[in-house]
Amino acid sequence: MSELRVNRLGEQIKKEITYVLATKVKNHDLGFVTITEVKVTGDYSQAKVYYTVLGGEKEKNKTQESLSKIKGFVKSEVAKKIKIRKFPELIFTYDETSEYAMHIESLLASVKNKGE
């Protein structure tokens, strides 16, 4: 499969998951979740769904548990909208990119302050 098709499918899955989480899921433990990226494997067997959540470690854990509980429902709802032969397995993974960026920023700021 072409990389462009895989990327396009990832974007479409991201859009549909965001819609399902916002409108069809009534789980109060979910928290304020944002889907940041979806990476689909070349054979369409798996889709890694990266997300962030507003709050601390407690909220992250509650959201991870909630997402694992509703994974089947989300997959079935998204599969209704996206017609492909075999829908990929959804794997929800916390996106640590923003935390990593803030850590690098604070390191750079401390180095800058030491230099002054």
PDB file of N, CA and C in Angstrom:
ATOM      1  N   MET A   1       0.831  -1.177   0.000  1.00  0.00           N
ATOM      2  CA  MET A   1       0.000   0.000   0.000  1.00  0.00           C
ATOM      3  C   MET A   1       0.884   1.251   0.000  1.00  0.00           C
ATOM      4  N   SER A   2       0.437   2.259  -0.659  1.00  0.00           N
ATOM      5  CA  SER A   2       1.259   3.458  -0.727  1.00  0.00           C
ATOM      6  C   SER A   2       1.219   4.206   0.601  1.00  0.00           C
ATOM      7  N   GLU A   3       2.319   4.885   0.883  1.00  0.00           N
ATOM      8  CA  GLU A   3       2.427   5.631   2.136  1.00  0.00           C
ATOM      9  C   GLU A   3       1.379   6.736   2.209  1.00  0.00           C
ATOM     10  N   LEU A   4       1.069   7.331   1.076  1.00  0.00           N
ATOM     11  CA  LEU A   4       0.068   8.392   1.038  1.00  0.00           C
ATOM     12  C   LEU A   4      -1.304   7.863   1.463  1.00  0.00           C
ATOM     13  N   ARG A   5      -1.673   6.685   0.970  1.00  0.00           N
ATOM     14  CA  ARG A   5      -2.964   6.084   1.339  1.00  0.00           C
ATOM     15  C   ARG A   5      -3.012   5.746   2.824  1.00  0.00           C
ATOM     16  N   VAL A   6      -1.912   5.238   3.351  1.00  0.00           N
ATOM     17  CA  VAL A   6      -1.842   4.890   4.771  1.00  0.00           C
ATOM     18  C   VAL A   6      -1.992   6.154   5.623  1.00  0.00           C
ATOM     19  N   ASN A   7      -1.289   7.236   5.236  1.00  0.00           N
ATOM     20  CA  ASN A   7      -1.385   8.502   5.969  1.00  0.00           C
ATOM     21  C   ASN A   7      -2.792   9.087   5.898  1.00  0.00           C
ATOM     22  N   ARG A   8      -3.395   8.998   4.728  1.00  0.00           N
ATOM     23  CA  ARG A   8      -4.752   9.510   4.556  1.00  0.00           C
ATOM     24  C   ARG A   8      -5.747   8.740   5.419  1.00  0.00           C
ATOM     25  N   LEU A   9      -5.564   7.420   5.475  1.00  0.00           N
ATOM     26  CA  LEU A   9      -6.423   6.595   6.317  1.00  0.00           C
ATOM     27  C   LEU A   9      -6.234   6.968   7.787  1.00  0.00           C
ATOM     28  N   GLY A  10      -4.988   7.208   8.199  1.00  0.00           N
ATOM     29  CA  GLY A  10      -4.705   7.621   9.572  1.00  0.00           C
ATOM     30  C   GLY A  10      -5.410   8.918   9.931  1.00  0.00           C
ATOM     31  N   GLU A  11      -5.371   9.889   9.020  1.00  0.00           N
ATOM     32  CA  GLU A  11      -6.044  11.168   9.258  1.00  0.00           C
ATOM     33  C   GLU A  11      -7.559  10.998   9.346  1.00  0.00           C
ATOM     34  N   GLN A  12      -8.104  10.130   8.495  1.00  0.00           N
ATOM     35  CA  GLN A  12      -9.542   9.892   8.504  1.00  0.00           C
ATOM     36  C   GLN A  12      -9.963   9.206   9.810  1.00  0.00           C
ATOM     37  N   ILE A  13      -9.175   8.231  10.264  1.00  0.00           N
ATOM     38  CA  ILE A  13      -9.460   7.545  11.525  1.00  0.00           C
ATOM     39  C   ILE A  13      -9.384   8.541  12.681  1.00  0.00           C
ATOM     40  N   LYS A  14      -8.378   9.413  12.665  1.00  0.00           N
ATOM     41  CA  LYS A  14      -8.222  10.433  13.710  1.00  0.00           C
ATOM     42  C   LYS A  14      -9.467  11.304  13.797  1.00  0.00           C
ATOM     43  N   LYS A  15      -9.941  11.770  12.651  1.00  0.00           N
ATOM     44  CA  LYS A  15     -11.120  12.634  12.603  1.00  0.00           C
ATOM     45  C   LYS A  15     -12.345  11.913  13.157  1.00  0.00           C
ATOM     46  N   GLU A  16     -12.532  10.671  12.769  1.00  0.00           N
ATOM     47  CA  GLU A  16     -13.707   9.915  13.206  1.00  0.00           C
ATOM     48  C   GLU A  16     -13.643   9.564  14.697  1.00  0.00           C
ATOM     49  N   ILE A  17     -12.455   9.211  15.199  1.00  0.00           N
ATOM     50  CA  ILE A  17     -12.316   8.911  16.630  1.00  0.00           C
ATOM     51  C   ILE A  17     -12.623  10.156  17.450  1.00  0.00           C
ATOM     52  N   THR A  18     -12.110  11.298  17.007  1.00  0.00           N
ATOM     53  CA  THR A  18     -12.383  12.562  17.701  1.00  0.00           C
ATOM     54  C   THR A  18     -13.884  12.822  17.754  1.00  0.00           C
ATOM     55  N   TYR A  19     -14.567  12.595  16.649  1.00  0.00           N
ATOM     56  CA  TYR A  19     -16.010  12.794  16.594  1.00  0.00           C
ATOM     57  C   TYR A  19     -16.736  11.843  17.550  1.00  0.00           C
ATOM     58  N   VAL A  20     -16.367  10.567  17.525  1.00  0.00           N
ATOM     59  CA  VAL A  20     -17.014   9.564  18.377  1.00  0.00           C
ATOM     60  C   VAL A  20     -16.803   9.902  19.854  1.00  0.00           C
ATOM     61  N   LEU A  21     -15.569  10.261  20.227  1.00  0.00           N
ATOM     62  CA  LEU A  21     -15.288  10.586  21.624  1.00  0.00           C
ATOM     63  C   LEU A  21     -16.065  11.824  22.080  1.00  0.00           C
ATOM     64  N   ALA A  22     -16.240  12.770  21.186  1.00  0.00           N
ATOM     65  CA  ALA A  22     -16.922  14.018  21.546  1.00  0.00           C
ATOM     66  C   ALA A  22     -18.437  13.867  21.604  1.00  0.00           C
ATOM     67  N   THR A  23     -19.005  13.000  20.773  1.00  0.00           N
ATOM     68  CA  THR A  23     -20.462  12.966  20.665  1.00  0.00           C
ATOM     69  C   THR A  23     -21.129  11.692  21.173  1.00  0.00           C
ATOM     70  N   LYS A  24     -20.461  10.554  21.103  1.00  0.00           N
ATOM     71  CA  LYS A  24     -21.149   9.293  21.392  1.00  0.00           C
ATOM     72  C   LYS A  24     -20.718   8.621  22.687  1.00  0.00           C
ATOM     73  N   VAL A  25     -19.611   9.051  23.270  1.00  0.00           N
ATOM     74  CA  VAL A  25     -19.114   8.412  24.488  1.00  0.00           C
ATOM     75  C   VAL A  25     -19.589   9.211  25.698  1.00  0.00           C
ATOM     76  N   LYS A  26     -20.221   8.518  26.640  1.00  0.00           N
ATOM     77  CA  LYS A  26     -20.751   9.176  27.838  1.00  0.00           C
ATOM     78  C   LYS A  26     -19.952   8.795  29.084  1.00  0.00           C
ATOM     79  N   ASN A  27     -18.668   8.515  28.927  1.00  0.00           N
ATOM     80  CA  ASN A  27     -17.820   8.093  30.038  1.00  0.00           C
ATOM     81  C   ASN A  27     -17.225   9.326  30.715  1.00  0.00           C
ATOM     82  N   HIS A  28     -17.566   9.541  31.977  1.00  0.00           N
ATOM     83  CA  HIS A  28     -17.097  10.732  32.686  1.00  0.00           C
ATOM     84  C   HIS A  28     -15.650  10.616  33.148  1.00  0.00           C
ATOM     85  N   ASP A  29     -15.104   9.412  33.162  1.00  0.00           N
ATOM     86  CA  ASP A  29     -13.701   9.223  33.540  1.00  0.00           C
ATOM     87  C   ASP A  29     -12.750   9.513  32.382  1.00  0.00           C
ATOM     88  N   LEU A  30     -13.300   9.780  31.226  1.00  0.00           N
ATOM     89  CA  LEU A  30     -12.466   9.978  30.042  1.00  0.00           C
ATOM     90  C   LEU A  30     -11.614  11.232  30.133  1.00  0.00           C
ATOM     91  N   GLY A  31     -12.097  12.270  30.752  1.00  0.00           N
ATOM     92  CA  GLY A  31     -11.316  13.496  30.860  1.00  0.00           C
ATOM     93  C   GLY A  31     -11.337  14.288  29.565  1.00  0.00           C
ATOM     94  N   PHE A  32     -10.521  15.332  29.531  1.00  0.00           N
ATOM     95  CA  PHE A  32     -10.439  16.191  28.351  1.00  0.00           C
ATOM     96  C   PHE A  32      -9.356  15.637  27.436  1.00  0.00           C
ATOM     97  N   VAL A  33      -9.761  14.768  26.521  1.00  0.00           N
ATOM     98  CA  VAL A  33      -8.832  14.036  25.659  1.00  0.00           C
ATOM     99  C   VAL A  33      -8.721  14.685  24.298  1.00  0.00           C
ATOM    100  N   THR A  34      -7.503  14.718  23.750  1.00  0.00           N
ATOM    101  CA  THR A  34      -7.271  15.211  22.401  1.00  0.00           C
ATOM    102  C   THR A  34      -6.499  14.144  21.635  1.00  0.00           C
ATOM    103  N   ILE A  35      -7.020  13.750  20.494  1.00  0.00           N
ATOM    104  CA  ILE A  35      -6.311  12.789  19.638  1.00  0.00           C
ATOM    105  C   ILE A  35      -5.315  13.595  18.816  1.00  0.00           C
ATOM    106  N   THR A  36      -4.019  13.297  18.976  1.00  0.00           N
ATOM    107  CA  THR A  36      -2.993  14.082  18.306  1.00  0.00           C
ATOM    108  C   THR A  36      -2.544  13.470  16.982  1.00  0.00           C
ATOM    109  N   GLU A  37      -2.550  12.144  16.901  1.00  0.00           N
ATOM    110  CA  GLU A  37      -2.070  11.502  15.679  1.00  0.00           C
ATOM    111  C   GLU A  37      -2.526  10.050  15.648  1.00  0.00           C
ATOM    112  N   VAL A  38      -2.685   9.514  14.441  1.00  0.00           N
ATOM    113  CA  VAL A  38      -2.978   8.094  14.261  1.00  0.00           C
ATOM    114  C   VAL A  38      -2.001   7.566  13.218  1.00  0.00           C
ATOM    115  N   LYS A  39      -1.227   6.553  13.608  1.00  0.00           N
ATOM    116  CA  LYS A  39      -0.273   5.921  12.685  1.00  0.00           C
ATOM    117  C   LYS A  39      -0.762   4.515  12.368  1.00  0.00           C
ATOM    118  N   VAL A  40      -1.036   4.280  11.092  1.00  0.00           N
ATOM    119  CA  VAL A  40      -1.530   2.983  10.635  1.00  0.00           C
ATOM    120  C   VAL A  40      -0.365   2.207  10.032  1.00  0.00           C
ATOM    121  N   THR A  41      -0.286   0.915  10.367  1.00  0.00           N
ATOM    122  CA  THR A  41       0.762   0.087   9.783  1.00  0.00           C
ATOM    123  C   THR A  41       0.473  -0.120   8.297  1.00  0.00           C
ATOM    124  N   GLY A  42       1.487  -0.460   7.542  1.00  0.00           N
ATOM    125  CA  GLY A  42       1.362  -0.615   6.095  1.00  0.00           C
ATOM    126  C   GLY A  42       0.374  -1.683   5.671  1.00  0.00           C
ATOM    127  N   ASP A  43       0.198  -2.709   6.510  1.00  0.00           N
ATOM    128  CA  ASP A  43      -0.748  -3.779   6.172  1.00  0.00           C
ATOM    129  C   ASP A  43      -2.141  -3.549   6.764  1.00  0.00           C
ATOM    130  N   TYR A  44      -2.342  -2.374   7.350  1.00  0.00           N
ATOM    131  CA  TYR A  44      -3.632  -1.969   7.934  1.00  0.00           C
ATOM    132  C   TYR A  44      -4.066  -2.846   9.104  1.00  0.00           C
ATOM    133  N   SER A  45      -3.156  -3.556   9.755  1.00  0.00           N
ATOM    134  CA  SER A  45      -3.546  -4.437  10.848  1.00  0.00           C
ATOM    135  C   SER A  45      -3.684  -3.691  12.172  1.00  0.00           C
ATOM    136  N   GLN A  46      -2.904  -2.618  12.353  1.00  0.00           N
ATOM    137  CA  GLN A  46      -2.946  -1.866  13.595  1.00  0.00           C
ATOM    138  C   GLN A  46      -2.949  -0.369  13.323  1.00  0.00           C
ATOM    139  N   ALA A  47      -3.622   0.354  14.218  1.00  0.00           N
ATOM    140  CA  ALA A  47      -3.610   1.815  14.173  1.00  0.00           C
ATOM    141  C   ALA A  47      -3.245   2.292  15.571  1.00  0.00           C
ATOM    142  N   LYS A  48      -2.084   2.925  15.688  1.00  0.00           N
ATOM    143  CA  LYS A  48      -1.661   3.472  16.971  1.00  0.00           C
ATOM    144  C   LYS A  48      -2.261   4.861  17.103  1.00  0.00           C
ATOM    145  N   VAL A  49      -3.103   5.037  18.112  1.00  0.00           N
ATOM    146  CA  VAL A  49      -3.822   6.281  18.331  1.00  0.00           C
ATOM    147  C   VAL A  49      -3.136   7.026  19.470  1.00  0.00           C
ATOM    148  N   TYR A  50      -2.490   8.144  19.139  1.00  0.00           N
ATOM    149  CA  TYR A  50      -1.802   8.954  20.149  1.00  0.00           C
ATOM    150  C   TYR A  50      -2.750  10.018  20.669  1.00  0.00           C
ATOM    151  N   TYR A  51      -2.756  10.184  21.982  1.00  0.00           N
ATOM    152  CA  TYR A  51      -3.653  11.161  22.600  1.00  0.00           C
ATOM    153  C   TYR A  51      -2.944  11.897  23.729  1.00  0.00           C
ATOM    154  N   THR A  52      -3.481  13.065  24.061  1.00  0.00           N
ATOM    155  CA  THR A  52      -3.054  13.801  25.253  1.00  0.00           C
ATOM    156  C   THR A  52      -4.295  14.040  26.101  1.00  0.00           C
ATOM    157  N   VAL A  53      -4.066  14.324  27.364  1.00  0.00           N
ATOM    158  CA  VAL A  53      -5.183  14.584  28.276  1.00  0.00           C
ATOM    159  C   VAL A  53      -4.791  15.732  29.185  1.00  0.00           C
ATOM    160  N   LEU A  54      -5.763  16.590  29.450  1.00  0.00           N
ATOM    161  CA  LEU A  54      -5.533  17.732  30.320  1.00  0.00           C
ATOM    162  C   LEU A  54      -5.552  17.259  31.767  1.00  0.00           C
ATOM    163  N   GLY A  55      -4.525  17.590  32.517  1.00  0.00           N
ATOM    164  CA  GLY A  55      -4.479  17.203  33.916  1.00  0.00           C
ATOM    165  C   GLY A  55      -3.176  16.498  34.260  1.00  0.00           C
ATOM    166  N   GLY A  56      -3.155  15.954  35.463  1.00  0.00           N
ATOM    167  CA  GLY A  56      -1.956  15.307  35.962  1.00  0.00           C
ATOM    168  C   GLY A  56      -1.933  13.804  35.733  1.00  0.00           C
ATOM    169  N   GLU A  57      -1.108  13.132  36.522  1.00  0.00           N
ATOM    170  CA  GLU A  57      -0.917  11.691  36.392  1.00  0.00           C
ATOM    171  C   GLU A  57      -2.213  10.919  36.661  1.00  0.00           C
ATOM    172  N   LYS A  58      -3.005  11.398  37.627  1.00  0.00           N
ATOM    173  CA  LYS A  58      -4.265  10.733  37.969  1.00  0.00           C
ATOM    174  C   LYS A  58      -5.222  10.734  36.765  1.00  0.00           C
ATOM    175  N   GLU A  59      -5.332  11.874  36.112  1.00  0.00           N
ATOM    176  CA  GLU A  59      -6.213  11.979  34.944  1.00  0.00           C
ATOM    177  C   GLU A  59      -5.716  11.104  33.793  1.00  0.00           C
ATOM    178  N   LYS A  60      -4.375  11.062  33.625  1.00  0.00           N
ATOM    179  CA  LYS A  60      -3.807  10.211  32.562  1.00  0.00           C
ATOM    180  C   LYS A  60      -4.188   8.757  32.776  1.00  0.00           C
ATOM    181  N   ASN A  61      -4.055   8.293  34.017  1.00  0.00           N
ATOM    182  CA  ASN A  61      -4.364   6.894  34.320  1.00  0.00           C
ATOM    183  C   ASN A  61      -5.843   6.583  34.136  1.00  0.00           C
ATOM    184  N   LYS A  62      -6.721   7.489  34.615  1.00  0.00           N
ATOM    185  CA  LYS A  62      -8.160   7.286  34.452  1.00  0.00           C
ATOM    186  C   LYS A  62      -8.540   7.257  32.973  1.00  0.00           C
ATOM    187  N   THR A  63      -7.933   8.141  32.202  1.00  0.00           N
ATOM    188  CA  THR A  63      -8.235   8.201  30.769  1.00  0.00           C
ATOM    189  C   THR A  63      -7.752   6.939  30.066  1.00  0.00           C
ATOM    190  N   GLN A  64      -6.558   6.460  30.409  1.00  0.00           N
ATOM    191  CA  GLN A  64      -6.025   5.236  29.797  1.00  0.00           C
ATOM    192  C   GLN A  64      -6.962   4.060  30.079  1.00  0.00           C
ATOM    193  N   GLU A  65      -7.429   3.934  31.323  1.00  0.00           N
ATOM    194  CA  GLU A  65      -8.358   2.858  31.682  1.00  0.00           C
ATOM    195  C   GLU A  65      -9.664   2.985  30.902  1.00  0.00           C
ATOM    196  N   SER A  66     -10.179   4.202  30.812  1.00  0.00           N
ATOM    197  CA  SER A  66     -11.437   4.434  30.097  1.00  0.00           C
ATOM    198  C   SER A  66     -11.312   4.098  28.622  1.00  0.00           C
ATOM    199  N   LEU A  67     -10.200   4.522  28.016  1.00  0.00           N
ATOM    200  CA  LEU A  67     -10.002   4.248  26.586  1.00  0.00           C
ATOM    201  C   LEU A  67      -9.888   2.745  26.330  1.00  0.00           C
ATOM    202  N   SER A  68      -9.234   2.020  27.226  1.00  0.00           N
ATOM    203  CA  SER A  68      -9.115   0.576  27.016  1.00  0.00           C
ATOM    204  C   SER A  68     -10.476  -0.114  27.160  1.00  0.00           C
ATOM    205  N   LYS A  69     -11.358   0.441  28.013  1.00  0.00           N
ATOM    206  CA  LYS A  69     -12.697  -0.132  28.180  1.00  0.00           C
ATOM    207  C   LYS A  69     -13.584   0.118  26.960  1.00  0.00           C
ATOM    208  N   ILE A  70     -13.461   1.296  26.349  1.00  0.00           N
ATOM    209  CA  ILE A  70     -14.366   1.661  25.248  1.00  0.00           C
ATOM    210  C   ILE A  70     -13.741   1.431  23.869  1.00  0.00           C
ATOM    211  N   LYS A  71     -12.564   0.828  23.829  1.00  0.00           N
ATOM    212  CA  LYS A  71     -11.849   0.629  22.563  1.00  0.00           C
ATOM    213  C   LYS A  71     -12.706  -0.107  21.527  1.00  0.00           C
ATOM    214  N   GLY A  72     -13.405  -1.159  21.937  1.00  0.00           N
ATOM    215  CA  GLY A  72     -14.245  -1.923  21.008  1.00  0.00           C
ATOM    216  C   GLY A  72     -15.378  -1.098  20.443  1.00  0.00           C
ATOM    217  N   PHE A  73     -16.021  -0.311  21.307  1.00  0.00           N
ATOM    218  CA  PHE A  73     -17.120   0.552  20.865  1.00  0.00           C
ATOM    219  C   PHE A  73     -16.618   1.589  19.867  1.00  0.00           C
ATOM    220  N   VAL A  74     -15.489   2.234  20.196  1.00  0.00           N
ATOM    221  CA  VAL A  74     -14.923   3.262  19.304  1.00  0.00           C
ATOM    222  C   VAL A  74     -14.576   2.648  17.956  1.00  0.00           C
ATOM    223  N   LYS A  75     -13.957   1.473  17.981  1.00  0.00           N
ATOM    224  CA  LYS A  75     -13.578   0.802  16.727  1.00  0.00           C
ATOM    225  C   LYS A  75     -14.814   0.504  15.880  1.00  0.00           C
ATOM    226  N   SER A  76     -15.877  -0.007  16.503  1.00  0.00           N
ATOM    227  CA  SER A  76     -17.074  -0.348  15.723  1.00  0.00           C
ATOM    228  C   SER A  76     -17.747   0.897  15.155  1.00  0.00           C
ATOM    229  N   GLU A  77     -17.775   1.987  15.937  1.00  0.00           N
ATOM    230  CA  GLU A  77     -18.384   3.231  15.447  1.00  0.00           C
ATOM    231  C   GLU A  77     -17.587   3.831  14.284  1.00  0.00           C
ATOM    232  N   VAL A  78     -16.267   3.816  14.400  1.00  0.00           N
ATOM    233  CA  VAL A  78     -15.420   4.375  13.345  1.00  0.00           C
ATOM    234  C   VAL A  78     -15.477   3.483  12.101  1.00  0.00           C
ATOM    235  N   ALA A  79     -15.517   2.171  12.312  1.00  0.00           N
ATOM    236  CA  ALA A  79     -15.569   1.238  11.180  1.00  0.00           C
ATOM    237  C   ALA A  79     -16.856   1.389  10.367  1.00  0.00           C
ATOM    238  N   LYS A  80     -17.935   1.857  11.007  1.00  0.00           N
ATOM    239  CA  LYS A  80     -19.183   2.106  10.273  1.00  0.00           C
ATOM    240  C   LYS A  80     -19.013   3.238   9.262  1.00  0.00           C
ATOM    241  N   LYS A  81     -18.155   4.208   9.595  1.00  0.00           N
ATOM    242  CA  LYS A  81     -17.960   5.385   8.742  1.00  0.00           C
ATOM    243  C   LYS A  81     -16.893   5.154   7.661  1.00  0.00           C
ATOM    244  N   ILE A  82     -15.864   4.378   8.008  1.00  0.00           N
ATOM    245  CA  ILE A  82     -14.753   4.154   7.081  1.00  0.00           C
ATOM    246  C   ILE A  82     -14.862   2.732   6.546  1.00  0.00           C
ATOM    247  N   LYS A  83     -15.158   2.635   5.290  1.00  0.00           N
ATOM    248  CA  LYS A  83     -15.391   1.323   4.680  1.00  0.00           C
ATOM    249  C   LYS A  83     -14.084   0.755   4.107  1.00  0.00           C
ATOM    250  N   ILE A  84     -13.459  -0.121   4.888  1.00  0.00           N
ATOM    251  CA  ILE A  84     -12.313  -0.884   4.384  1.00  0.00           C
ATOM    252  C   ILE A  84     -12.550  -2.346   4.739  1.00  0.00           C
ATOM    253  N   ARG A  85     -11.875  -3.234   4.039  1.00  0.00           N
ATOM    254  CA  ARG A  85     -12.130  -4.665   4.186  1.00  0.00           C
ATOM    255  C   ARG A  85     -11.956  -5.141   5.629  1.00  0.00           C
ATOM    256  N   LYS A  86     -10.815  -4.857   6.207  1.00  0.00           N
ATOM    257  CA  LYS A  86     -10.544  -5.258   7.597  1.00  0.00           C
ATOM    258  C   LYS A  86     -10.056  -4.028   8.345  1.00  0.00           C
ATOM    259  N   PHE A  87     -10.847  -3.591   9.324  1.00  0.00           N
ATOM    260  CA  PHE A  87     -10.491  -2.385  10.068  1.00  0.00           C
ATOM    261  C   PHE A  87      -9.357  -2.698  11.034  1.00  0.00           C
ATOM    262  N   PRO A  88      -8.366  -1.790  11.145  1.00  0.00           N
ATOM    263  CA  PRO A  88      -7.211  -2.057  12.017  1.00  0.00           C
ATOM    264  C   PRO A  88      -7.569  -2.078  13.502  1.00  0.00           C
ATOM    265  N   GLU A  89      -6.794  -2.816  14.266  1.00  0.00           N
ATOM    266  CA  GLU A  89      -6.925  -2.847  15.720  1.00  0.00           C
ATOM    267  C   GLU A  89      -6.443  -1.508  16.268  1.00  0.00           C
ATOM    268  N   LEU A  90      -7.213  -0.895  17.169  1.00  0.00           N
ATOM    269  CA  LEU A  90      -6.838   0.398  17.740  1.00  0.00           C
ATOM    270  C   LEU A  90      -5.981   0.185  18.984  1.00  0.00           C
ATOM    271  N   ILE A  91      -4.851   0.876  19.030  1.00  0.00           N
ATOM    272  CA  ILE A  91      -3.965   0.835  20.185  1.00  0.00           C
ATOM    273  C   ILE A  91      -3.805   2.263  20.680  1.00  0.00           C
ATOM    274  N   PHE A  92      -4.384   2.555  21.858  1.00  0.00           N
ATOM    275  CA  PHE A  92      -4.307   3.905  22.410  1.00  0.00           C
ATOM    276  C   PHE A  92      -3.004   4.066  23.185  1.00  0.00           C
ATOM    277  N   THR A  93      -2.240   5.105  22.837  1.00  0.00           N
ATOM    278  CA  THR A  93      -0.947   5.378  23.450  1.00  0.00           C
ATOM    279  C   THR A  93      -0.875   6.849  23.830  1.00  0.00           C
ATOM    280  N   TYR A  94      -0.429   7.108  25.064  1.00  0.00           N
ATOM    281  CA  TYR A  94      -0.304   8.495  25.503  1.00  0.00           C
ATOM    282  C   TYR A  94       0.821   9.178  24.726  1.00  0.00           C
ATOM    283  N   ASP A  95       0.553  10.366  24.210  1.00  0.00           N
ATOM    284  CA  ASP A  95       1.532  11.128  23.430  1.00  0.00           C
ATOM    285  C   ASP A  95       2.347  12.009  24.368  1.00  0.00           C
ATOM    286  N   GLU A  96       3.616  11.668  24.522  1.00  0.00           N
ATOM    287  CA  GLU A  96       4.489  12.392  25.447  1.00  0.00           C
ATOM    288  C   GLU A  96       5.264  13.525  24.768  1.00  0.00           C
ATOM    289  N   THR A  97       4.947  13.828  23.534  1.00  0.00           N
ATOM    290  CA  THR A  97       5.677  14.847  22.786  1.00  0.00           C
ATOM    291  C   THR A  97       5.640  16.209  23.459  1.00  0.00           C
ATOM    292  N   SER A  98       4.451  16.635  23.912  1.00  0.00           N
ATOM    293  CA  SER A  98       4.345  17.966  24.520  1.00  0.00           C
ATOM    294  C   SER A  98       5.103  18.029  25.840  1.00  0.00           C
ATOM    295  N   GLU A  99       5.040  16.963  26.637  1.00  0.00           N
ATOM    296  CA  GLU A  99       5.790  16.940  27.899  1.00  0.00           C
ATOM    297  C   GLU A  99       7.297  16.979  27.629  1.00  0.00           C
ATOM    298  N   TYR A 100       7.717  16.241  26.607  1.00  0.00           N
ATOM    299  CA  TYR A 100       9.139  16.212  26.247  1.00  0.00           C
ATOM    300  C   TYR A 100       9.595  17.596  25.782  1.00  0.00           C
ATOM    301  N   ALA A 101       8.759  18.256  24.991  1.00  0.00           N
ATOM    302  CA  ALA A 101       9.086  19.600  24.496  1.00  0.00           C
ATOM    303  C   ALA A 101       9.206  20.589  25.649  1.00  0.00           C
ATOM    304  N   MET A 102       8.295  20.513  26.621  1.00  0.00           N
ATOM    305  CA  MET A 102       8.370  21.407  27.779  1.00  0.00           C
ATOM    306  C   MET A 102       9.626  21.131  28.600  1.00  0.00           C
ATOM    307  N   HIS A 103      10.010  19.864  28.702  1.00  0.00           N
ATOM    308  CA  HIS A 103      11.225  19.503  29.435  1.00  0.00           C
ATOM    309  C   HIS A 103      12.460  20.095  28.748  1.00  0.00           C
ATOM    310  N   ILE A 104      12.538  19.969  27.434  1.00  0.00           N
ATOM    311  CA  ILE A 104      13.664  20.534  26.668  1.00  0.00           C
ATOM    312  C   ILE A 104      13.683  22.050  26.818  1.00  0.00           C
ATOM    313  N   GLU A 105      12.496  22.669  26.757  1.00  0.00           N
ATOM    314  CA  GLU A 105      12.404  24.118  26.913  1.00  0.00           C
ATOM    315  C   GLU A 105      12.923  24.573  28.280  1.00  0.00           C
ATOM    316  N   SER A 106      12.565  23.852  29.326  1.00  0.00           N
ATOM    317  CA  SER A 106      13.029  24.222  30.668  1.00  0.00           C
ATOM    318  C   SER A 106      14.536  24.017  30.802  1.00  0.00           C
ATOM    319  N   LEU A 107      15.074  22.976  30.157  1.00  0.00           N
ATOM    320  CA  LEU A 107      16.523  22.761  30.170  1.00  0.00           C
ATOM    321  C   LEU A 107      17.245  23.911  29.468  1.00  0.00           C
ATOM    322  N   LEU A 108      16.712  24.323  28.317  1.00  0.00           N
ATOM    323  CA  LEU A 108      17.319  25.422  27.581  1.00  0.00           C
ATOM    324  C   LEU A 108      17.244  26.724  28.376  1.00  0.00           C
ATOM    325  N   ALA A 109      16.121  26.950  29.045  1.00  0.00           N
ATOM    326  CA  ALA A 109      15.971  28.162  29.851  1.00  0.00           C
ATOM    327  C   ALA A 109      16.954  28.167  31.024  1.00  0.00           C
ATOM    328  N   SER A 110      17.174  27.009  31.641  1.00  0.00           N
ATOM    329  CA  SER A 110      18.118  26.946  32.767  1.00  0.00           C
ATOM    330  C   SER A 110      19.545  27.175  32.295  1.00  0.00           C
ATOM    331  N   VAL A 111      19.889  26.667  31.118  1.00  0.00           N
ATOM    332  CA  VAL A 111      21.221  26.881  30.557  1.00  0.00           C
ATOM    333  C   VAL A 111      21.405  28.368  30.224  1.00  0.00           C
ATOM    334  N   LYS A 112      20.365  28.983  29.684  1.00  0.00           N
ATOM    335  CA  LYS A 112      20.428  30.401  29.323  1.00  0.00           C
ATOM    336  C   LYS A 112      20.598  31.246  30.588  1.00  0.00           C
ATOM    337  N   ASN A 113      19.873  30.912  31.647  1.00  0.00           N
ATOM    338  CA  ASN A 113      19.954  31.665  32.909  1.00  0.00           C
ATOM    339  C   ASN A 113      21.325  31.526  33.564  1.00  0.00           C
ATOM    340  N   LYS A 114      21.962  30.373  33.439  1.00  0.00           N
ATOM    341  CA  LYS A 114      23.286  30.159  34.006  1.00  0.00           C
ATOM    342  C   LYS A 114      24.331  30.974  33.247  1.00  0.00           C
ATOM    343  N   GLY A 115      24.101  31.158  31.950  1.00  0.00           N
ATOM    344  CA  GLY A 115      25.047  31.894  31.117  1.00  0.00           C
ATOM    345  C   GLY A 115      25.011  33.403  31.344  1.00  0.00           C
ATOM    346  N   GLU A 116      23.932  33.892  31.902  1.00  0.00           N
ATOM    347  CA  GLU A 116      23.785  35.353  32.099  1.00  0.00           C
ATOM    348  C   GLU A 116      24.398  35.827  33.367  1.00  0.00           C
TER     349      GLU A 116
END
